[in-house]
């Protein structure tokens, strides 16, 4: 009886570990999505700033 309860205890630990592993995989996936989103936002902002700098530099050279 003791052996059976220990084996059952080990099985539940594996189930818990599998659940934790699934949770960690999902968190890792969510972090990857967040980082990708932040990277796209950053690239868009850099593009906007660069576009404004080129526009203003062209305006300044045309005035001179």
PDB file of N, CA and C in Angstrom:
ATOM      1  N   UNK A   1       0.832  -1.195   0.000  1.00  0.00           N
ATOM      2  CA  UNK A   1       0.000   0.000   0.000  1.00  0.00           C
ATOM      3  C   UNK A   1       0.874   1.255   0.000  1.00  0.00           C
ATOM      4  N   UNK A   2       1.938   1.230   0.758  1.00  0.00           N
ATOM      5  CA  UNK A   2       2.820   2.384   0.834  1.00  0.00           C
ATOM      6  C   UNK A   2       3.464   2.661  -0.526  1.00  0.00           C
ATOM      7  N   UNK A   3       3.876   1.632  -1.209  1.00  0.00           N
ATOM      8  CA  UNK A   3       4.502   1.787  -2.522  1.00  0.00           C
ATOM      9  C   UNK A   3       3.524   2.406  -3.512  1.00  0.00           C
ATOM     10  N   UNK A   4       2.281   1.965  -3.467  1.00  0.00           N
ATOM     11  CA  UNK A   4       1.267   2.495  -4.373  1.00  0.00           C
ATOM     12  C   UNK A   4       1.042   3.981  -4.106  1.00  0.00           C
ATOM     13  N   UNK A   5       0.977   4.374  -2.851  1.00  0.00           N
ATOM     14  CA  UNK A   5       0.771   5.789  -2.536  1.00  0.00           C
ATOM     15  C   UNK A   5       1.979   6.629  -2.953  1.00  0.00           C
ATOM     16  N   UNK A   6       3.174   6.087  -2.826  1.00  0.00           N
ATOM     17  CA  UNK A   6       4.367   6.826  -3.260  1.00  0.00           C
ATOM     18  C   UNK A   6       4.392   6.979  -4.783  1.00  0.00           C
ATOM     19  N   UNK A   7       4.000   5.930  -5.484  1.00  0.00           N
ATOM     20  CA  UNK A   7       3.947   6.015  -6.948  1.00  0.00           C
ATOM     21  C   UNK A   7       2.888   7.026  -7.383  1.00  0.00           C
ATOM     22  N   UNK A   8       1.749   7.003  -6.707  1.00  0.00           N
ATOM     23  CA  UNK A   8       0.714   7.994  -7.014  1.00  0.00           C
ATOM     24  C   UNK A   8       1.218   9.404  -6.733  1.00  0.00           C
ATOM     25  N   UNK A   9       1.970   9.556  -5.643  1.00  0.00           N
ATOM     26  CA  UNK A   9       2.549  10.859  -5.311  1.00  0.00           C
ATOM     27  C   UNK A   9       3.522  11.322  -6.378  1.00  0.00           C
ATOM     28  N   UNK A  10       4.315  10.418  -6.888  1.00  0.00           N
ATOM     29  CA  UNK A  10       5.240  10.772  -7.961  1.00  0.00           C
ATOM     30  C   UNK A  10       4.499  11.150  -9.228  1.00  0.00           C
ATOM     31  N   UNK A  11       3.433  10.457  -9.519  1.00  0.00           N
ATOM     32  CA  UNK A  11       2.639  10.778 -10.707  1.00  0.00           C
ATOM     33  C   UNK A  11       2.051  12.169 -10.621  1.00  0.00           C
ATOM     34  N   UNK A  12       1.576  12.553  -9.463  1.00  0.00           N
ATOM     35  CA  UNK A  12       1.000  13.885  -9.330  1.00  0.00           C
ATOM     36  C   UNK A  12       2.075  14.954  -9.444  1.00  0.00           C
ATOM     37  N   UNK A  13       3.289  14.652  -8.983  1.00  0.00           N
ATOM     38  CA  UNK A  13       4.370  15.621  -9.150  1.00  0.00           C
ATOM     39  C   UNK A  13       4.675  15.824 -10.623  1.00  0.00           C
ATOM     40  N   UNK A  14       4.667  14.729 -11.375  1.00  0.00           N
ATOM     41  CA  UNK A  14       4.912  14.862 -12.811  1.00  0.00           C
ATOM     42  C   UNK A  14       3.811  15.668 -13.479  1.00  0.00           C
ATOM     43  N   UNK A  15       2.573  15.444 -13.058  1.00  0.00           N
ATOM     44  CA  UNK A  15       1.470  16.223 -13.607  1.00  0.00           C
ATOM     45  C   UNK A  15       1.638  17.700 -13.270  1.00  0.00           C
ATOM     46  N   UNK A  16       2.035  17.973 -12.033  1.00  0.00           N
ATOM     47  CA  UNK A  16       2.261  19.359 -11.637  1.00  0.00           C
ATOM     48  C   UNK A  16       3.409  19.964 -12.430  1.00  0.00           C
ATOM     49  N   UNK A  17       4.465  19.185 -12.611  1.00  0.00           N
ATOM     50  CA  UNK A  17       5.596  19.683 -13.389  1.00  0.00           C
ATOM     51  C   UNK A  17       5.182  19.936 -14.829  1.00  0.00           C
ATOM     52  N   UNK A  18       4.365  19.040 -15.383  1.00  0.00           N
ATOM     53  CA  UNK A  18       3.891  19.250 -16.749  1.00  0.00           C
ATOM     54  C   UNK A  18       3.034  20.497 -16.840  1.00  0.00           C
ATOM     55  N   UNK A  19       2.181  20.709 -15.831  1.00  0.00           N
ATOM     56  CA  UNK A  19       1.351  21.912 -15.810  1.00  0.00           C
ATOM     57  C   UNK A  19       2.227  23.148 -15.708  1.00  0.00           C
ATOM     58  N   UNK A  20       3.230  23.094 -14.823  1.00  0.00           N
ATOM     59  CA  UNK A  20       4.132  24.231 -14.677  1.00  0.00           C
ATOM     60  C   UNK A  20       4.898  24.471 -15.967  1.00  0.00           C
ATOM     61  N   UNK A  21       5.341  23.393 -16.583  1.00  0.00           N
ATOM     62  CA  UNK A  21       6.068  23.541 -17.834  1.00  0.00           C
ATOM     63  C   UNK A  21       5.177  24.183 -18.893  1.00  0.00           C
ATOM     64  N   UNK A  22       3.939  23.784 -18.968  1.00  0.00           N
ATOM     65  CA  UNK A  22       3.007  24.374 -19.929  1.00  0.00           C
ATOM     66  C   UNK A  22       2.785  25.853 -19.619  1.00  0.00           C
ATOM     67  N   UNK A  23       2.684  26.181 -18.336  1.00  0.00           N
ATOM     68  CA  UNK A  23       2.498  27.582 -17.947  1.00  0.00           C
ATOM     69  C   UNK A  23       3.726  28.393 -18.331  1.00  0.00           C
ATOM     70  N   UNK A  24       4.908  27.853 -18.045  1.00  0.00           N
ATOM     71  CA  UNK A  24       6.131  28.576 -18.385  1.00  0.00           C
ATOM     72  C   UNK A  24       6.288  28.731 -19.893  1.00  0.00           C
ATOM     73  N   UNK A  25       5.898  27.723 -20.654  1.00  0.00           N
ATOM     74  CA  UNK A  25       5.959  27.833 -22.109  1.00  0.00           C
ATOM     75  C   UNK A  25       5.030  28.932 -22.598  1.00  0.00           C
ATOM     76  N   UNK A  26       3.831  28.994 -22.011  1.00  0.00           N
ATOM     77  CA  UNK A  26       2.870  30.035 -22.411  1.00  0.00           C
ATOM     78  C   UNK A  26       3.393  31.423 -22.040  1.00  0.00           C
ATOM     79  N   UNK A  27       3.982  31.543 -20.846  1.00  0.00           N
ATOM     80  CA  UNK A  27       4.546  32.831 -20.447  1.00  0.00           C
ATOM     81  C   UNK A  27       5.684  33.246 -21.375  1.00  0.00           C
ATOM     82  N   UNK A  28       6.509  32.275 -21.739  1.00  0.00           N
ATOM     83  CA  UNK A  28       7.613  32.558 -22.650  1.00  0.00           C
ATOM     84  C   UNK A  28       7.080  33.025 -24.005  1.00  0.00           C
ATOM     85  N   UNK A  29       6.022  32.375 -24.474  1.00  0.00           N
ATOM     86  CA  UNK A  29       5.395  32.756 -25.740  1.00  0.00           C
ATOM     87  C   UNK A  29       4.804  34.164 -25.648  1.00  0.00           C
ATOM     88  N   UNK A  30       4.147  34.455 -24.521  1.00  0.00           N
ATOM     89  CA  UNK A  30       3.583  35.797 -24.341  1.00  0.00           C
ATOM     90  C   UNK A  30       4.681  36.844 -24.284  1.00  0.00           C
ATOM     91  N   UNK A  31       5.791  36.540 -23.594  1.00  0.00           N
ATOM     92  CA  UNK A  31       6.908  37.481 -23.538  1.00  0.00           C
ATOM     93  C   UNK A  31       7.472  37.736 -24.923  1.00  0.00           C
ATOM     94  N   UNK A  32       7.566  36.678 -25.727  1.00  0.00           N
ATOM     95  CA  UNK A  32       8.080  36.822 -27.087  1.00  0.00           C
ATOM     96  C   UNK A  32       7.157  37.729 -27.899  1.00  0.00           C
ATOM     97  N   UNK A  33       5.838  37.567 -27.729  1.00  0.00           N
ATOM     98  CA  UNK A  33       4.878  38.408 -28.451  1.00  0.00           C
ATOM     99  C   UNK A  33       4.991  39.861 -28.012  1.00  0.00           C
ATOM    100  N   UNK A  34       5.158  40.077 -26.715  1.00  0.00           N
ATOM    101  CA  UNK A  34       5.280  41.443 -26.194  1.00  0.00           C
ATOM    102  C   UNK A  34       6.553  42.093 -26.732  1.00  0.00           C
ATOM    103  N   UNK A  35       7.662  41.361 -26.719  1.00  0.00           N
ATOM    104  CA  UNK A  35       8.916  41.910 -27.229  1.00  0.00           C
ATOM    105  C   UNK A  35       8.827  42.216 -28.719  1.00  0.00           C
ATOM    106  N   UNK A  36       8.162  41.352 -29.471  1.00  0.00           N
ATOM    107  CA  UNK A  36       7.981  41.607 -30.899  1.00  0.00           C
ATOM    108  C   UNK A  36       7.157  42.874 -31.107  1.00  0.00           C
ATOM    109  N   UNK A  37       6.089  43.020 -30.344  1.00  0.00           N
ATOM    110  CA  UNK A  37       5.234  44.204 -30.450  1.00  0.00           C
ATOM    111  C   UNK A  37       6.021  45.467 -30.106  1.00  0.00           C
ATOM    112  N   UNK A  38       6.808  45.409 -29.042  1.00  0.00           N
ATOM    113  CA  UNK A  38       7.609  46.566 -28.662  1.00  0.00           C
ATOM    114  C   UNK A  38       8.641  46.904 -29.731  1.00  0.00           C
ATOM    115  N   UNK A  39       9.224  45.873 -30.342  1.00  0.00           N
ATOM    116  CA  UNK A  39      10.197  46.104 -31.407  1.00  0.00           C
ATOM    117  C   UNK A  39       9.575  46.774 -32.615  1.00  0.00           C
ATOM    118  N   UNK A  40       8.370  46.347 -32.968  1.00  0.00           N
ATOM    119  CA  UNK A  40       7.678  46.958 -34.105  1.00  0.00           C
ATOM    120  C   UNK A  40       7.331  48.408 -33.792  1.00  0.00           C
ATOM    121  N   UNK A  41       6.852  48.663 -32.580  1.00  0.00           N
ATOM    122  CA  UNK A  41       6.531  50.044 -32.185  1.00  0.00           C
ATOM    123  C   UNK A  41       7.773  50.924 -32.223  1.00  0.00           C
ATOM    124  N   UNK A  42       8.901  50.390 -31.722  1.00  0.00           N
ATOM    125  CA  UNK A  42      10.145  51.152 -31.717  1.00  0.00           C
ATOM    126  C   UNK A  42      10.589  51.462 -33.152  1.00  0.00           C
ATOM    127  N   UNK A  43      10.529  50.462 -34.015  1.00  0.00           N
ATOM    128  CA  UNK A  43      10.934  50.669 -35.408  1.00  0.00           C
ATOM    129  C   UNK A  43      10.049  51.718 -36.076  1.00  0.00           C
ATOM    130  N   UNK A  44       8.755  51.683 -35.792  1.00  0.00           N
ATOM    131  CA  UNK A  44       7.846  52.673 -36.372  1.00  0.00           C
ATOM    132  C   UNK A  44       8.186  54.078 -35.875  1.00  0.00           C
ATOM    133  N   UNK A  45       8.471  54.194 -34.583  1.00  0.00           N
ATOM    134  CA  UNK A  45       8.818  55.519 -34.041  1.00  0.00           C
ATOM    135  C   UNK A  45      10.113  56.038 -34.639  1.00  0.00           C
ATOM    136  N   UNK A  46      11.103  55.165 -34.773  1.00  0.00           N
ATOM    137  CA  UNK A  46      12.375  55.574 -35.383  1.00  0.00           C
ATOM    138  C   UNK A  46      12.126  56.023 -36.814  1.00  0.00           C
ATOM    139  N   UNK A  47      11.286  55.304 -37.529  1.00  0.00           N
ATOM    140  CA  UNK A  47      10.960  55.672 -38.901  1.00  0.00           C
ATOM    141  C   UNK A  47      10.292  57.046 -38.950  1.00  0.00           C
ATOM    142  N   UNK A  48       9.376  57.307 -38.023  1.00  0.00           N
ATOM    143  CA  UNK A  48       8.688  58.607 -37.997  1.00  0.00           C
ATOM    144  C   UNK A  48       9.668  59.733 -37.695  1.00  0.00           C
ATOM    145  N   UNK A  49      10.551  59.511 -36.730  1.00  0.00           N
ATOM    146  CA  UNK A  49      11.532  60.547 -36.371  1.00  0.00           C
ATOM    147  C   UNK A  49      12.472  60.794 -37.540  1.00  0.00           C
ATOM    148  N   UNK A  50      12.935  59.723 -38.167  1.00  0.00           N
ATOM    149  CA  UNK A  50      13.839  59.857 -39.301  1.00  0.00           C
ATOM    150  C   UNK A  50      13.158  60.602 -40.440  1.00  0.00           C
ATOM    151  N   UNK A  51      11.895  60.302 -40.674  1.00  0.00           N
ATOM    152  CA  UNK A  51      11.136  60.969 -41.732  1.00  0.00           C
ATOM    153  C   UNK A  51      11.014  62.461 -41.433  1.00  0.00           C
ATOM    154  N   UNK A  52      10.744  62.811 -40.178  1.00  0.00           N
ATOM    155  CA  UNK A  52      10.632  64.214 -39.795  1.00  0.00           C
ATOM    156  C   UNK A  52      11.975  64.929 -39.902  1.00  0.00           C
ATOM    157  N   UNK A  53      13.059  64.250 -39.555  1.00  0.00           N
ATOM    158  CA  UNK A  53      14.384  64.870 -39.652  1.00  0.00           C
ATOM    159  C   UNK A  53      14.758  65.144 -41.108  1.00  0.00           C
ATOM    160  N   UNK A  54      14.450  64.201 -41.976  1.00  0.00           N
ATOM    161  CA  UNK A  54      14.741  64.402 -43.403  1.00  0.00           C
ATOM    162  C   UNK A  54      13.898  65.545 -43.947  1.00  0.00           C
ATOM    163  N   UNK A  55      12.641  65.608 -43.568  1.00  0.00           N
ATOM    164  CA  UNK A  55      11.759  66.681 -44.035  1.00  0.00           C
ATOM    165  C   UNK A  55      12.257  68.035 -43.558  1.00  0.00           C
ATOM    166  N   UNK A  56      12.631  68.112 -42.275  1.00  0.00           N
ATOM    167  CA  UNK A  56      13.076  69.405 -41.751  1.00  0.00           C
ATOM    168  C   UNK A  56      14.432  69.784 -42.318  1.00  0.00           C
ATOM    169  N   UNK A  57      15.318  68.820 -42.561  1.00  0.00           N
ATOM    170  CA  UNK A  57      16.621  69.163 -43.132  1.00  0.00           C
ATOM    171  C   UNK A  57      16.467  69.626 -44.582  1.00  0.00           C
ATOM    172  N   UNK A  58      15.543  69.032 -45.325  1.00  0.00           N
ATOM    173  CA  UNK A  58      15.283  69.494 -46.681  1.00  0.00           C
ATOM    174  C   UNK A  58      14.703  70.898 -46.672  1.00  0.00           C
ATOM    175  N   UNK A  59      13.831  71.166 -45.697  1.00  0.00           N
ATOM    176  CA  UNK A  59      13.243  72.502 -45.574  1.00  0.00           C
ATOM    177  C   UNK A  59      14.332  73.529 -45.279  1.00  0.00           C
ATOM    178  N   UNK A  60      15.258  73.184 -44.399  1.00  0.00           N
ATOM    179  CA  UNK A  60      16.335  74.115 -44.032  1.00  0.00           C
ATOM    180  C   UNK A  60      17.282  74.336 -45.205  1.00  0.00           C
ATOM    181  N   UNK A  61      17.582  73.319 -45.976  1.00  0.00           N
ATOM    182  CA  UNK A  61      18.503  73.501 -47.120  1.00  0.00           C
ATOM    183  C   UNK A  61      17.830  74.277 -48.234  1.00  0.00           C
ATOM    184  N   UNK A  62      16.511  74.171 -48.385  1.00  0.00           N
ATOM    185  CA  UNK A  62      15.821  74.926 -49.422  1.00  0.00           C
ATOM    186  C   UNK A  62      15.751  76.408 -49.084  1.00  0.00           C
ATOM    187  N   UNK A  63      15.729  76.726 -47.792  1.00  0.00           N
ATOM    188  CA  UNK A  63      15.632  78.121 -47.366  1.00  0.00           C
ATOM    189  C   UNK A  63      16.937  78.867 -47.615  1.00  0.00           C
ATOM    190  N   UNK A  64      18.048  78.156 -47.517  1.00  0.00           N
ATOM    191  CA  UNK A  64      19.375  78.776 -47.565  1.00  0.00           C
ATOM    192  C   UNK A  64      19.729  79.233 -48.886  1.00  0.00           C
TER     193      UNK A  64
END
